[in-house]
Amino acid sequence: MNDAPQRWERTVTVALTGASGTQYGLRLAECLVASGVRAYLLVSQAAQVVLKLEAGLEVPAQAAAAEAWFAERFKAAPGQLRVFGRQQWTAPVASGSNPPDAMVVCPCTTGTLSSIAAGLSEDLIDRAADVVMKEGRKLILVIRETPLTAIHLENMLRLARAGVVIMPASPGFYFGPTRVEELVDFIVARVLDHLAVPHQLLERWGERDEAGGA
C-alpha cells in the first residue's frame, strides 16, 4: 500500500471575505474540489458572520475544525482541501517559496480591495494576495459592492494595471435564469474560465443557436 501523500497538479486559494455573496465563494470551492484541484480556503471573521446570515451555515472558528467541516461538505479527498487561520503566517500561502497557481477573493469587500491595493498584508488574506501578485500568478477579485466610490474605482484601476483580474459579481440574464443558483453559477463559471478549469455550469453563448441550426 502506498502511503505517500497525493500530489496535486494545481492549487487555487479561495478567500471569502465579509461582502454579501458568500454563495459565490462556497460554490467556487465546491467546483474546484469536484474538478480535482487542491483548494486552500481562507475565511475572514466577517465572512463567518455573513455565511450564517446568508446561508445559515455556522463554520467553526478554528482552522482545523473548519477544514474538517469544509472537507466533509465538499467531499474532498484526503489533503485536497486546507483551511488556514487569519494569522497563520506559517501557511504555505504566506511565502513566495510555495505559492498557489492562482488565488480568488470571492466575494471581495472593498476593504479587502483597499488593503490589497495598498500592500498592507495585515492578515493572511492580504498577504496571500500580495504573494500571488509578486510571484506573477493570477489573482481574481470578485468585488461585491454597489454603488462604487471614486476610491473603490481607483483601487480597482491600480490593481488592474498590476495584472489583477477585477470581476464584479454582475451575473447575466440572457440565458433565462429561473433560480438564484443559476445566477451564482454564472459568476462561478466566469471565474473557472479565467482559471482554465473545465466545467459544465452553463450554456455558452451561441451554443443554443448552433444546436438548433443545420
N, C-alpha and C. Protein backbone atom coordinates (compact mmCIF):
# COMPACT_ATOMS: atom_id res chain seq x y z
N MET A 1 0.84 -1.19 0.00
CA MET A 1 0.00 0.00 0.00
C MET A 1 0.88 1.24 0.00
N ASN A 2 0.58 2.19 -0.89
CA ASN A 2 1.37 3.42 -0.99
C ASN A 2 0.80 4.49 -0.09
N ASP A 3 1.54 4.87 0.95
CA ASP A 3 1.08 5.89 1.89
C ASP A 3 1.63 7.27 1.57
N ALA A 4 2.30 7.42 0.44
CA ALA A 4 2.86 8.72 0.07
C ALA A 4 1.74 9.71 -0.17
N PRO A 5 1.91 10.98 0.25
CA PRO A 5 0.86 11.98 0.04
C PRO A 5 0.61 12.21 -1.44
N GLN A 6 -0.65 12.43 -1.78
CA GLN A 6 -1.01 12.66 -3.18
C GLN A 6 -0.48 14.03 -3.64
N ARG A 7 0.02 14.08 -4.85
CA ARG A 7 0.48 15.33 -5.43
C ARG A 7 -0.60 15.89 -6.34
N TRP A 8 -0.93 17.15 -6.14
CA TRP A 8 -1.99 17.78 -6.90
C TRP A 8 -1.38 18.62 -8.01
N GLU A 9 -1.94 18.51 -9.20
CA GLU A 9 -1.39 19.24 -10.34
C GLU A 9 -1.59 20.74 -10.20
N ARG A 10 -2.69 21.15 -9.57
CA ARG A 10 -2.96 22.58 -9.45
C ARG A 10 -3.48 22.89 -8.06
N THR A 11 -3.15 24.09 -7.58
CA THR A 11 -3.63 24.56 -6.29
C THR A 11 -4.19 25.97 -6.47
N VAL A 12 -5.38 26.20 -5.96
CA VAL A 12 -6.01 27.51 -6.02
C VAL A 12 -6.44 27.92 -4.62
N THR A 13 -6.07 29.13 -4.23
CA THR A 13 -6.52 29.69 -2.96
C THR A 13 -7.83 30.43 -3.16
N VAL A 14 -8.80 30.15 -2.30
CA VAL A 14 -10.08 30.85 -2.33
C VAL A 14 -10.26 31.55 -0.99
N ALA A 15 -10.42 32.88 -1.03
CA ALA A 15 -10.62 33.65 0.18
C ALA A 15 -12.05 34.19 0.21
N LEU A 16 -12.74 33.95 1.30
CA LEU A 16 -14.07 34.51 1.50
C LEU A 16 -13.98 35.65 2.49
N THR A 17 -14.44 36.84 2.08
CA THR A 17 -14.43 37.99 2.98
C THR A 17 -15.88 38.36 3.31
N GLY A 18 -16.06 39.46 4.02
CA GLY A 18 -17.37 39.78 4.58
C GLY A 18 -18.37 40.44 3.67
N ALA A 19 -18.13 40.46 2.37
CA ALA A 19 -19.13 41.02 1.45
C ALA A 19 -20.30 40.06 1.31
N SER A 20 -21.46 40.61 0.93
CA SER A 20 -22.59 39.76 0.61
C SER A 20 -22.23 38.92 -0.62
N GLY A 21 -22.80 37.72 -0.68
CA GLY A 21 -22.50 36.85 -1.82
C GLY A 21 -21.56 35.72 -1.47
N THR A 22 -21.60 35.26 -0.23
CA THR A 22 -20.74 34.15 0.17
C THR A 22 -21.05 32.88 -0.62
N GLN A 23 -22.27 32.81 -1.19
CA GLN A 23 -22.63 31.65 -2.01
C GLN A 23 -21.68 31.50 -3.19
N TYR A 24 -21.18 32.61 -3.72
CA TYR A 24 -20.23 32.54 -4.83
C TYR A 24 -18.97 31.78 -4.41
N GLY A 25 -18.43 32.16 -3.26
CA GLY A 25 -17.20 31.52 -2.78
C GLY A 25 -17.40 30.06 -2.45
N LEU A 26 -18.52 29.74 -1.82
CA LEU A 26 -18.81 28.34 -1.49
C LEU A 26 -18.92 27.49 -2.75
N ARG A 27 -19.64 27.99 -3.72
CA ARG A 27 -19.83 27.24 -4.96
C ARG A 27 -18.51 27.09 -5.72
N LEU A 28 -17.70 28.14 -5.72
CA LEU A 28 -16.41 28.07 -6.37
C LEU A 28 -15.53 27.00 -5.75
N ALA A 29 -15.46 26.99 -4.42
CA ALA A 29 -14.65 25.98 -3.74
C ALA A 29 -15.16 24.58 -4.03
N GLU A 30 -16.48 24.42 -4.04
CA GLU A 30 -17.07 23.12 -4.35
C GLU A 30 -16.69 22.65 -5.75
N CYS A 31 -16.76 23.56 -6.72
CA CYS A 31 -16.44 23.20 -8.11
C CYS A 31 -14.96 22.88 -8.28
N LEU A 32 -14.10 23.61 -7.60
CA LEU A 32 -12.68 23.35 -7.69
C LEU A 32 -12.35 21.95 -7.16
N VAL A 33 -12.92 21.62 -6.02
CA VAL A 33 -12.69 20.29 -5.43
C VAL A 33 -13.22 19.21 -6.36
N ALA A 34 -14.42 19.42 -6.90
CA ALA A 34 -15.00 18.43 -7.80
C ALA A 34 -14.18 18.25 -9.07
N SER A 35 -13.41 19.28 -9.44
CA SER A 35 -12.58 19.23 -10.65
C SER A 35 -11.20 18.65 -10.38
N GLY A 36 -10.93 18.25 -9.15
CA GLY A 36 -9.64 17.66 -8.83
C GLY A 36 -8.56 18.66 -8.53
N VAL A 37 -8.93 19.90 -8.24
CA VAL A 37 -7.97 20.94 -7.88
C VAL A 37 -7.81 20.97 -6.37
N ARG A 38 -6.58 21.16 -5.89
CA ARG A 38 -6.38 21.34 -4.45
C ARG A 38 -6.79 22.75 -4.09
N ALA A 39 -7.60 22.90 -3.05
CA ALA A 39 -8.11 24.20 -2.65
C ALA A 39 -7.60 24.60 -1.27
N TYR A 40 -7.05 25.80 -1.19
CA TYR A 40 -6.70 26.41 0.09
C TYR A 40 -7.79 27.43 0.41
N LEU A 41 -8.45 27.30 1.56
CA LEU A 41 -9.51 28.22 1.93
C LEU A 41 -9.07 29.16 3.04
N LEU A 42 -9.38 30.45 2.85
CA LEU A 42 -9.15 31.47 3.86
C LEU A 42 -10.49 32.15 4.11
N VAL A 43 -10.95 32.16 5.35
CA VAL A 43 -12.26 32.70 5.68
C VAL A 43 -12.09 33.79 6.73
N SER A 44 -12.49 35.01 6.38
CA SER A 44 -12.35 36.11 7.33
C SER A 44 -13.41 35.98 8.42
N GLN A 45 -13.20 36.70 9.51
CA GLN A 45 -14.16 36.68 10.61
C GLN A 45 -15.51 37.23 10.16
N ALA A 46 -15.48 38.30 9.36
CA ALA A 46 -16.72 38.86 8.86
C ALA A 46 -17.43 37.88 7.93
N ALA A 47 -16.67 37.11 7.16
CA ALA A 47 -17.26 36.12 6.25
C ALA A 47 -18.01 35.06 7.05
N GLN A 48 -17.50 34.69 8.21
CA GLN A 48 -18.20 33.71 9.04
C GLN A 48 -19.57 34.23 9.46
N VAL A 49 -19.64 35.52 9.76
CA VAL A 49 -20.92 36.15 10.13
C VAL A 49 -21.88 36.12 8.94
N VAL A 50 -21.37 36.50 7.77
CA VAL A 50 -22.22 36.57 6.57
C VAL A 50 -22.66 35.17 6.14
N LEU A 51 -21.80 34.18 6.28
CA LEU A 51 -22.17 32.80 5.96
C LEU A 51 -23.38 32.36 6.78
N LYS A 52 -23.41 32.77 8.04
CA LYS A 52 -24.54 32.41 8.89
C LYS A 52 -25.79 33.16 8.47
N LEU A 53 -25.66 34.45 8.13
CA LEU A 53 -26.81 35.27 7.74
C LEU A 53 -27.39 34.83 6.40
N GLU A 54 -26.51 34.59 5.42
CA GLU A 54 -26.97 34.32 4.06
C GLU A 54 -27.24 32.86 3.76
N ALA A 55 -26.48 31.99 4.36
CA ALA A 55 -26.58 30.57 4.02
C ALA A 55 -26.98 29.70 5.21
N GLY A 56 -27.11 30.29 6.39
CA GLY A 56 -27.46 29.52 7.57
C GLY A 56 -26.39 28.55 7.99
N LEU A 57 -25.12 28.86 7.64
CA LEU A 57 -24.01 27.96 7.93
C LEU A 57 -23.15 28.51 9.05
N GLU A 58 -22.88 27.69 10.04
CA GLU A 58 -22.00 28.07 11.14
C GLU A 58 -20.68 27.35 10.95
N VAL A 59 -19.73 28.06 10.36
CA VAL A 59 -18.41 27.49 10.10
C VAL A 59 -17.58 27.57 11.37
N PRO A 60 -16.95 26.50 11.79
CA PRO A 60 -16.12 26.54 13.00
C PRO A 60 -15.05 27.62 12.92
N ALA A 61 -14.76 28.24 14.05
CA ALA A 61 -13.79 29.34 14.07
C ALA A 61 -12.35 28.82 13.95
N GLN A 62 -12.07 27.66 14.53
CA GLN A 62 -10.72 27.12 14.47
C GLN A 62 -10.43 26.51 13.10
N ALA A 63 -9.23 26.77 12.59
CA ALA A 63 -8.88 26.35 11.24
C ALA A 63 -9.01 24.83 11.05
N ALA A 64 -8.53 24.06 11.99
CA ALA A 64 -8.56 22.59 11.85
C ALA A 64 -9.99 22.07 11.80
N ALA A 65 -10.85 22.63 12.66
CA ALA A 65 -12.25 22.21 12.66
C ALA A 65 -12.96 22.66 11.40
N ALA A 66 -12.63 23.87 10.93
CA ALA A 66 -13.23 24.37 9.68
C ALA A 66 -12.78 23.53 8.50
N GLU A 67 -11.53 23.09 8.52
CA GLU A 67 -11.02 22.24 7.44
C GLU A 67 -11.79 20.93 7.35
N ALA A 68 -12.03 20.31 8.49
CA ALA A 68 -12.79 19.06 8.51
C ALA A 68 -14.23 19.31 8.06
N TRP A 69 -14.79 20.44 8.46
CA TRP A 69 -16.17 20.80 8.11
C TRP A 69 -16.32 20.98 6.60
N PHE A 70 -15.42 21.77 6.00
CA PHE A 70 -15.48 22.02 4.56
C PHE A 70 -15.17 20.76 3.76
N ALA A 71 -14.19 19.98 4.23
CA ALA A 71 -13.81 18.76 3.51
C ALA A 71 -14.97 17.78 3.43
N GLU A 72 -15.72 17.67 4.52
CA GLU A 72 -16.88 16.79 4.52
C GLU A 72 -17.98 17.35 3.62
N ARG A 73 -18.20 18.66 3.67
CA ARG A 73 -19.25 19.29 2.88
C ARG A 73 -18.99 19.13 1.38
N PHE A 74 -17.72 19.30 0.97
CA PHE A 74 -17.38 19.24 -0.45
C PHE A 74 -16.88 17.88 -0.90
N LYS A 75 -16.90 16.91 0.02
CA LYS A 75 -16.44 15.54 -0.30
C LYS A 75 -15.02 15.56 -0.88
N ALA A 76 -14.14 16.29 -0.23
CA ALA A 76 -12.76 16.40 -0.69
C ALA A 76 -11.97 15.15 -0.37
N ALA A 77 -11.01 14.86 -1.23
CA ALA A 77 -10.09 13.75 -0.98
C ALA A 77 -9.15 14.13 0.16
N PRO A 78 -8.53 13.17 0.81
CA PRO A 78 -7.59 13.49 1.89
C PRO A 78 -6.49 14.44 1.41
N GLY A 79 -6.32 15.54 2.11
CA GLY A 79 -5.29 16.51 1.78
C GLY A 79 -5.65 17.46 0.65
N GLN A 80 -6.84 17.29 0.03
CA GLN A 80 -7.20 18.14 -1.11
C GLN A 80 -7.63 19.53 -0.68
N LEU A 81 -8.20 19.65 0.50
CA LEU A 81 -8.71 20.93 0.96
C LEU A 81 -8.06 21.31 2.27
N ARG A 82 -7.49 22.50 2.31
CA ARG A 82 -6.84 23.01 3.52
C ARG A 82 -7.46 24.34 3.91
N VAL A 83 -7.59 24.57 5.20
CA VAL A 83 -8.09 25.84 5.72
C VAL A 83 -7.03 26.41 6.65
N PHE A 84 -6.71 27.69 6.48
CA PHE A 84 -5.69 28.32 7.30
C PHE A 84 -6.28 29.50 8.08
N GLY A 85 -5.75 29.71 9.28
CA GLY A 85 -6.23 30.78 10.14
C GLY A 85 -5.81 32.15 9.65
N ARG A 86 -6.49 33.17 10.14
CA ARG A 86 -6.27 34.55 9.66
C ARG A 86 -4.88 35.08 9.97
N GLN A 87 -4.26 34.56 11.00
CA GLN A 87 -2.90 34.99 11.37
C GLN A 87 -1.92 33.82 11.32
N GLN A 88 -2.20 32.83 10.52
CA GLN A 88 -1.36 31.63 10.43
C GLN A 88 -0.23 31.88 9.43
N TRP A 89 0.80 32.58 9.89
CA TRP A 89 1.86 33.02 8.99
C TRP A 89 2.77 31.89 8.52
N THR A 90 2.61 30.69 9.10
CA THR A 90 3.38 29.53 8.62
C THR A 90 2.67 28.81 7.47
N ALA A 91 1.50 29.28 7.08
CA ALA A 91 0.77 28.66 5.97
C ALA A 91 1.54 28.83 4.67
N PRO A 92 1.48 27.87 3.76
CA PRO A 92 2.22 27.97 2.50
C PRO A 92 1.88 29.21 1.70
N VAL A 93 0.65 29.71 1.80
CA VAL A 93 0.25 30.88 1.00
C VAL A 93 0.93 32.17 1.46
N ALA A 94 1.60 32.13 2.61
CA ALA A 94 2.25 33.33 3.14
C ALA A 94 3.63 33.56 2.57
N SER A 95 4.15 32.61 1.79
CA SER A 95 5.51 32.73 1.29
C SER A 95 5.58 32.54 -0.22
N GLY A 96 6.42 33.34 -0.85
CA GLY A 96 6.64 33.21 -2.28
C GLY A 96 7.39 31.95 -2.66
N SER A 97 7.92 31.23 -1.67
CA SER A 97 8.62 29.98 -1.97
C SER A 97 7.65 28.83 -2.24
N ASN A 98 6.35 29.05 -1.93
CA ASN A 98 5.37 27.97 -2.11
C ASN A 98 4.01 28.54 -2.49
N PRO A 99 3.95 29.34 -3.56
CA PRO A 99 2.69 30.00 -3.91
C PRO A 99 1.73 29.05 -4.61
N PRO A 100 0.42 29.32 -4.54
CA PRO A 100 -0.54 28.54 -5.32
C PRO A 100 -0.46 28.95 -6.78
N ASP A 101 -1.15 28.23 -7.63
CA ASP A 101 -1.18 28.59 -9.05
C ASP A 101 -2.02 29.85 -9.29
N ALA A 102 -3.01 30.06 -8.42
CA ALA A 102 -3.88 31.23 -8.57
C ALA A 102 -4.60 31.47 -7.25
N MET A 103 -5.19 32.65 -7.13
CA MET A 103 -5.97 32.99 -5.94
C MET A 103 -7.20 33.77 -6.37
N VAL A 104 -8.33 33.47 -5.71
CA VAL A 104 -9.58 34.19 -5.96
C VAL A 104 -10.13 34.68 -4.63
N VAL A 105 -10.39 35.97 -4.53
CA VAL A 105 -11.07 36.52 -3.36
C VAL A 105 -12.54 36.65 -3.76
N CYS A 106 -13.40 35.82 -3.17
CA CYS A 106 -14.77 35.66 -3.67
C CYS A 106 -15.72 35.34 -2.52
N PRO A 107 -16.54 36.29 -2.09
CA PRO A 107 -16.63 37.67 -2.57
C PRO A 107 -15.54 38.53 -1.93
N CYS A 108 -15.28 39.66 -2.56
CA CYS A 108 -14.23 40.56 -2.09
C CYS A 108 -14.84 41.87 -1.62
N THR A 109 -14.63 42.23 -0.37
CA THR A 109 -15.10 43.51 0.14
C THR A 109 -14.23 44.63 -0.41
N THR A 110 -14.76 45.85 -0.37
CA THR A 110 -13.95 46.99 -0.80
C THR A 110 -12.85 47.28 0.21
N GLY A 111 -13.03 46.82 1.45
CA GLY A 111 -11.97 46.95 2.44
C GLY A 111 -10.79 46.06 2.09
N THR A 112 -11.07 44.81 1.71
CA THR A 112 -10.01 43.90 1.27
C THR A 112 -9.37 44.42 0.00
N LEU A 113 -10.17 44.92 -0.91
CA LEU A 113 -9.66 45.54 -2.13
C LEU A 113 -8.65 46.63 -1.79
N SER A 114 -9.02 47.49 -0.85
CA SER A 114 -8.14 48.59 -0.45
C SER A 114 -6.84 48.08 0.16
N SER A 115 -6.95 47.07 1.03
CA SER A 115 -5.76 46.53 1.69
C SER A 115 -4.80 45.90 0.68
N ILE A 116 -5.35 45.17 -0.29
CA ILE A 116 -4.51 44.54 -1.30
C ILE A 116 -3.85 45.60 -2.18
N ALA A 117 -4.63 46.62 -2.56
CA ALA A 117 -4.09 47.69 -3.41
C ALA A 117 -2.98 48.45 -2.71
N ALA A 118 -3.07 48.57 -1.38
CA ALA A 118 -2.06 49.30 -0.61
C ALA A 118 -0.90 48.41 -0.18
N GLY A 119 -1.02 47.10 -0.38
CA GLY A 119 0.04 46.18 0.01
C GLY A 119 0.24 46.08 1.51
N LEU A 120 -0.85 46.16 2.28
CA LEU A 120 -0.73 46.21 3.75
C LEU A 120 -0.33 44.87 4.36
N SER A 121 -0.88 43.77 3.85
CA SER A 121 -0.57 42.42 4.38
C SER A 121 -0.78 42.33 5.88
N GLU A 122 -1.90 42.84 6.35
CA GLU A 122 -2.17 42.82 7.79
C GLU A 122 -2.73 41.48 8.27
N ASP A 123 -3.32 40.71 7.37
CA ASP A 123 -3.77 39.37 7.73
C ASP A 123 -3.38 38.42 6.60
N LEU A 124 -3.72 37.14 6.77
CA LEU A 124 -3.25 36.14 5.81
C LEU A 124 -3.88 36.33 4.42
N ILE A 125 -5.12 36.82 4.37
CA ILE A 125 -5.74 37.05 3.06
C ILE A 125 -4.97 38.10 2.28
N ASP A 126 -4.69 39.22 2.94
CA ASP A 126 -3.92 40.29 2.28
C ASP A 126 -2.54 39.79 1.86
N ARG A 127 -1.87 39.07 2.75
CA ARG A 127 -0.52 38.58 2.48
C ARG A 127 -0.54 37.56 1.34
N ALA A 128 -1.53 36.66 1.34
CA ALA A 128 -1.63 35.66 0.28
C ALA A 128 -1.82 36.32 -1.08
N ALA A 129 -2.63 37.37 -1.11
CA ALA A 129 -2.85 38.10 -2.36
C ALA A 129 -1.56 38.79 -2.80
N ASP A 130 -0.84 39.35 -1.85
CA ASP A 130 0.42 40.03 -2.16
C ASP A 130 1.43 39.04 -2.74
N VAL A 131 1.48 37.84 -2.15
CA VAL A 131 2.40 36.80 -2.64
C VAL A 131 2.06 36.40 -4.07
N VAL A 132 0.78 36.17 -4.34
CA VAL A 132 0.36 35.78 -5.68
C VAL A 132 0.74 36.84 -6.70
N MET A 133 0.55 38.11 -6.33
CA MET A 133 0.89 39.20 -7.25
C MET A 133 2.39 39.26 -7.51
N LYS A 134 3.18 39.20 -6.43
CA LYS A 134 4.62 39.38 -6.61
C LYS A 134 5.28 38.20 -7.30
N GLU A 135 4.61 37.02 -7.23
CA GLU A 135 5.15 35.84 -7.88
C GLU A 135 4.60 35.67 -9.30
N GLY A 136 3.83 36.65 -9.77
CA GLY A 136 3.34 36.61 -11.14
C GLY A 136 2.25 35.58 -11.39
N ARG A 137 1.52 35.20 -10.34
CA ARG A 137 0.42 34.26 -10.51
C ARG A 137 -0.90 35.04 -10.67
N LYS A 138 -1.94 34.35 -11.08
CA LYS A 138 -3.21 35.02 -11.33
C LYS A 138 -3.96 35.31 -10.04
N LEU A 139 -4.43 36.55 -9.91
CA LEU A 139 -5.26 36.96 -8.78
C LEU A 139 -6.57 37.52 -9.34
N ILE A 140 -7.69 36.98 -8.86
CA ILE A 140 -9.02 37.41 -9.28
C ILE A 140 -9.77 37.94 -8.07
N LEU A 141 -10.32 39.14 -8.19
CA LEU A 141 -11.10 39.73 -7.11
C LEU A 141 -12.55 39.84 -7.58
N VAL A 142 -13.44 39.12 -6.91
CA VAL A 142 -14.87 39.17 -7.24
C VAL A 142 -15.51 40.21 -6.32
N ILE A 143 -15.50 41.45 -6.80
CA ILE A 143 -16.00 42.57 -5.99
C ILE A 143 -17.51 42.48 -5.86
N ARG A 144 -18.02 42.71 -4.65
CA ARG A 144 -19.46 42.69 -4.43
C ARG A 144 -19.83 43.94 -3.61
N GLU A 145 -20.05 45.04 -4.32
CA GLU A 145 -20.41 46.29 -3.66
C GLU A 145 -21.11 47.19 -4.66
N THR A 146 -22.07 47.98 -4.21
CA THR A 146 -22.73 48.97 -5.07
C THR A 146 -23.42 50.01 -4.20
N PRO A 147 -23.35 51.28 -4.56
CA PRO A 147 -22.56 51.84 -5.67
C PRO A 147 -21.09 51.89 -5.30
N LEU A 148 -20.27 52.22 -6.29
CA LEU A 148 -18.83 52.29 -6.09
C LEU A 148 -18.38 53.74 -6.03
N THR A 149 -17.51 54.02 -5.08
CA THR A 149 -16.98 55.37 -4.95
C THR A 149 -15.75 55.54 -5.84
N ALA A 150 -15.30 56.79 -5.97
CA ALA A 150 -14.08 57.04 -6.74
C ALA A 150 -12.89 56.32 -6.13
N ILE A 151 -12.87 56.18 -4.80
CA ILE A 151 -11.78 55.47 -4.13
C ILE A 151 -11.79 53.99 -4.53
N HIS A 152 -12.98 53.37 -4.53
CA HIS A 152 -13.08 51.97 -4.95
C HIS A 152 -12.57 51.80 -6.38
N LEU A 153 -13.01 52.68 -7.26
CA LEU A 153 -12.64 52.58 -8.67
C LEU A 153 -11.15 52.80 -8.88
N GLU A 154 -10.58 53.73 -8.12
CA GLU A 154 -9.14 53.98 -8.23
C GLU A 154 -8.34 52.76 -7.76
N ASN A 155 -8.81 52.11 -6.68
CA ASN A 155 -8.13 50.91 -6.21
C ASN A 155 -8.23 49.78 -7.23
N MET A 156 -9.39 49.65 -7.87
CA MET A 156 -9.54 48.62 -8.91
C MET A 156 -8.62 48.90 -10.09
N LEU A 157 -8.55 50.17 -10.50
CA LEU A 157 -7.70 50.53 -11.62
C LEU A 157 -6.23 50.26 -11.29
N ARG A 158 -5.84 50.59 -10.09
CA ARG A 158 -4.45 50.36 -9.67
C ARG A 158 -4.10 48.89 -9.75
N LEU A 159 -5.00 48.04 -9.28
CA LEU A 159 -4.73 46.59 -9.30
C LEU A 159 -4.84 46.03 -10.71
N ALA A 160 -5.79 46.53 -11.49
CA ALA A 160 -5.91 46.06 -12.88
C ALA A 160 -4.64 46.37 -13.66
N ARG A 161 -4.06 47.51 -13.41
CA ARG A 161 -2.80 47.86 -14.08
C ARG A 161 -1.66 46.96 -13.63
N ALA A 162 -1.80 46.36 -12.45
CA ALA A 162 -0.78 45.43 -11.95
C ALA A 162 -1.05 43.99 -12.41
N GLY A 163 -2.11 43.82 -13.23
CA GLY A 163 -2.38 42.50 -13.77
C GLY A 163 -3.45 41.71 -13.05
N VAL A 164 -4.10 42.31 -12.04
CA VAL A 164 -5.15 41.63 -11.30
C VAL A 164 -6.44 41.63 -12.12
N VAL A 165 -7.17 40.52 -12.10
CA VAL A 165 -8.46 40.44 -12.79
C VAL A 165 -9.55 40.95 -11.85
N ILE A 166 -10.20 42.04 -12.24
CA ILE A 166 -11.30 42.60 -11.45
C ILE A 166 -12.60 42.08 -12.04
N MET A 167 -13.33 41.27 -11.28
CA MET A 167 -14.53 40.62 -11.79
C MET A 167 -15.70 40.88 -10.85
N PRO A 168 -16.39 42.01 -11.03
CA PRO A 168 -17.56 42.30 -10.18
C PRO A 168 -18.60 41.18 -10.28
N ALA A 169 -19.28 40.93 -9.20
CA ALA A 169 -20.32 39.90 -9.19
C ALA A 169 -21.57 40.45 -9.87
N SER A 170 -21.53 40.47 -11.21
CA SER A 170 -22.62 41.01 -12.03
C SER A 170 -23.11 39.92 -12.97
N PRO A 171 -23.99 39.04 -12.50
CA PRO A 171 -24.45 37.93 -13.34
C PRO A 171 -25.28 38.41 -14.52
N GLY A 172 -25.20 37.67 -15.62
CA GLY A 172 -26.01 37.97 -16.80
C GLY A 172 -27.38 37.33 -16.70
N PHE A 173 -28.29 37.80 -17.53
CA PHE A 173 -29.66 37.27 -17.54
C PHE A 173 -30.08 36.78 -18.91
N TYR A 174 -29.16 36.83 -19.88
CA TYR A 174 -29.52 36.49 -21.25
C TYR A 174 -29.83 35.01 -21.44
N PHE A 175 -29.44 34.17 -20.49
CA PHE A 175 -29.69 32.73 -20.63
C PHE A 175 -30.99 32.29 -19.93
N GLY A 176 -31.77 33.28 -19.45
CA GLY A 176 -33.07 32.98 -18.88
C GLY A 176 -33.05 32.24 -17.56
N PRO A 177 -32.29 32.71 -16.57
CA PRO A 177 -32.24 32.01 -15.28
C PRO A 177 -33.59 32.04 -14.57
N THR A 178 -33.89 30.98 -13.87
CA THR A 178 -35.13 30.90 -13.09
C THR A 178 -34.86 30.64 -11.61
N ARG A 179 -33.59 30.42 -11.25
CA ARG A 179 -33.23 30.14 -9.86
C ARG A 179 -32.00 30.96 -9.48
N VAL A 180 -31.91 31.30 -8.21
CA VAL A 180 -30.75 32.04 -7.72
C VAL A 180 -29.47 31.26 -7.97
N GLU A 181 -29.54 29.94 -7.83
CA GLU A 181 -28.36 29.10 -8.03
C GLU A 181 -27.76 29.27 -9.43
N GLU A 182 -28.61 29.53 -10.41
CA GLU A 182 -28.12 29.72 -11.77
C GLU A 182 -27.33 31.03 -11.90
N LEU A 183 -27.76 32.05 -11.17
CA LEU A 183 -27.03 33.33 -11.17
C LEU A 183 -25.68 33.17 -10.48
N VAL A 184 -25.66 32.40 -9.41
CA VAL A 184 -24.40 32.11 -8.73
C VAL A 184 -23.46 31.36 -9.67
N ASP A 185 -23.99 30.36 -10.35
CA ASP A 185 -23.17 29.57 -11.27
C ASP A 185 -22.63 30.40 -12.43
N PHE A 186 -23.37 31.42 -12.84
CA PHE A 186 -22.91 32.29 -13.93
C PHE A 186 -21.57 32.93 -13.56
N ILE A 187 -21.50 33.49 -12.35
CA ILE A 187 -20.26 34.15 -11.91
C ILE A 187 -19.17 33.12 -11.67
N VAL A 188 -19.51 32.02 -11.03
CA VAL A 188 -18.51 30.98 -10.76
C VAL A 188 -17.95 30.43 -12.07
N ALA A 189 -18.81 30.29 -13.08
CA ALA A 189 -18.34 29.80 -14.38
C ALA A 189 -17.32 30.75 -14.98
N ARG A 190 -17.53 32.05 -14.86
CA ARG A 190 -16.59 33.02 -15.40
C ARG A 190 -15.25 32.95 -14.67
N VAL A 191 -15.31 32.73 -13.35
CA VAL A 191 -14.08 32.57 -12.58
C VAL A 191 -13.34 31.33 -13.03
N LEU A 192 -14.05 30.21 -13.16
CA LEU A 192 -13.42 28.96 -13.59
C LEU A 192 -12.81 29.10 -14.98
N ASP A 193 -13.47 29.85 -15.86
CA ASP A 193 -12.91 30.09 -17.19
C ASP A 193 -11.55 30.77 -17.09
N HIS A 194 -11.45 31.78 -16.23
CA HIS A 194 -10.19 32.51 -16.08
C HIS A 194 -9.12 31.68 -15.39
N LEU A 195 -9.56 30.65 -14.66
CA LEU A 195 -8.61 29.72 -14.04
C LEU A 195 -8.28 28.55 -14.96
N ALA A 196 -8.92 28.50 -16.12
CA ALA A 196 -8.75 27.40 -17.07
C ALA A 196 -9.14 26.06 -16.45
N VAL A 197 -10.19 26.08 -15.64
CA VAL A 197 -10.74 24.85 -15.05
C VAL A 197 -12.00 24.47 -15.81
N PRO A 198 -12.03 23.32 -16.46
CA PRO A 198 -13.21 22.91 -17.24
C PRO A 198 -14.46 22.79 -16.35
N HIS A 199 -15.61 23.10 -16.95
CA HIS A 199 -16.86 22.99 -16.21
C HIS A 199 -18.02 22.90 -17.19
N GLN A 200 -19.18 22.54 -16.65
CA GLN A 200 -20.41 22.48 -17.43
C GLN A 200 -21.51 23.22 -16.68
N LEU A 201 -21.19 24.35 -16.12
CA LEU A 201 -22.13 25.06 -15.27
C LEU A 201 -23.22 25.79 -16.04
N LEU A 202 -22.92 26.20 -17.26
CA LEU A 202 -23.92 26.93 -18.02
C LEU A 202 -23.68 26.78 -19.51
N GLU A 203 -24.73 27.05 -20.25
CA GLU A 203 -24.65 27.01 -21.71
C GLU A 203 -23.88 28.22 -22.20
N ARG A 204 -22.92 28.00 -23.07
CA ARG A 204 -22.10 29.11 -23.55
C ARG A 204 -22.80 29.86 -24.68
N TRP A 205 -22.42 31.12 -24.81
CA TRP A 205 -23.03 31.99 -25.81
C TRP A 205 -22.91 31.37 -27.21
N GLY A 206 -24.04 31.32 -27.93
CA GLY A 206 -24.06 30.79 -29.28
C GLY A 206 -24.31 29.30 -29.37
N GLU A 207 -24.17 28.56 -28.27
CA GLU A 207 -24.35 27.11 -28.32
C GLU A 207 -25.80 26.73 -28.64
N ARG A 208 -26.75 27.51 -28.15
CA ARG A 208 -28.16 27.21 -28.40
C ARG A 208 -28.48 27.35 -29.87
N ASP A 209 -27.97 28.40 -30.50
CA ASP A 209 -28.20 28.61 -31.94
C ASP A 209 -27.55 27.51 -32.76
N GLU A 210 -26.33 27.10 -32.35
CA GLU A 210 -25.64 26.03 -33.09
C GLU A 210 -26.39 24.71 -32.99
N ALA A 211 -26.95 24.45 -31.79
CA ALA A 211 -27.69 23.20 -31.61
C ALA A 211 -28.98 23.18 -32.42
N GLY A 212 -29.56 24.35 -32.62
CA GLY A 212 -30.81 24.41 -33.36
C GLY A 212 -30.64 24.65 -34.84
N GLY A 213 -29.39 24.78 -35.29
CA GLY A 213 -29.13 25.05 -36.69
C GLY A 213 -29.05 23.78 -37.51
N ALA A 214 -28.47 23.93 -38.70
CA ALA A 214 -28.33 22.79 -39.59
C ALA A 214 -27.38 21.78 -38.99
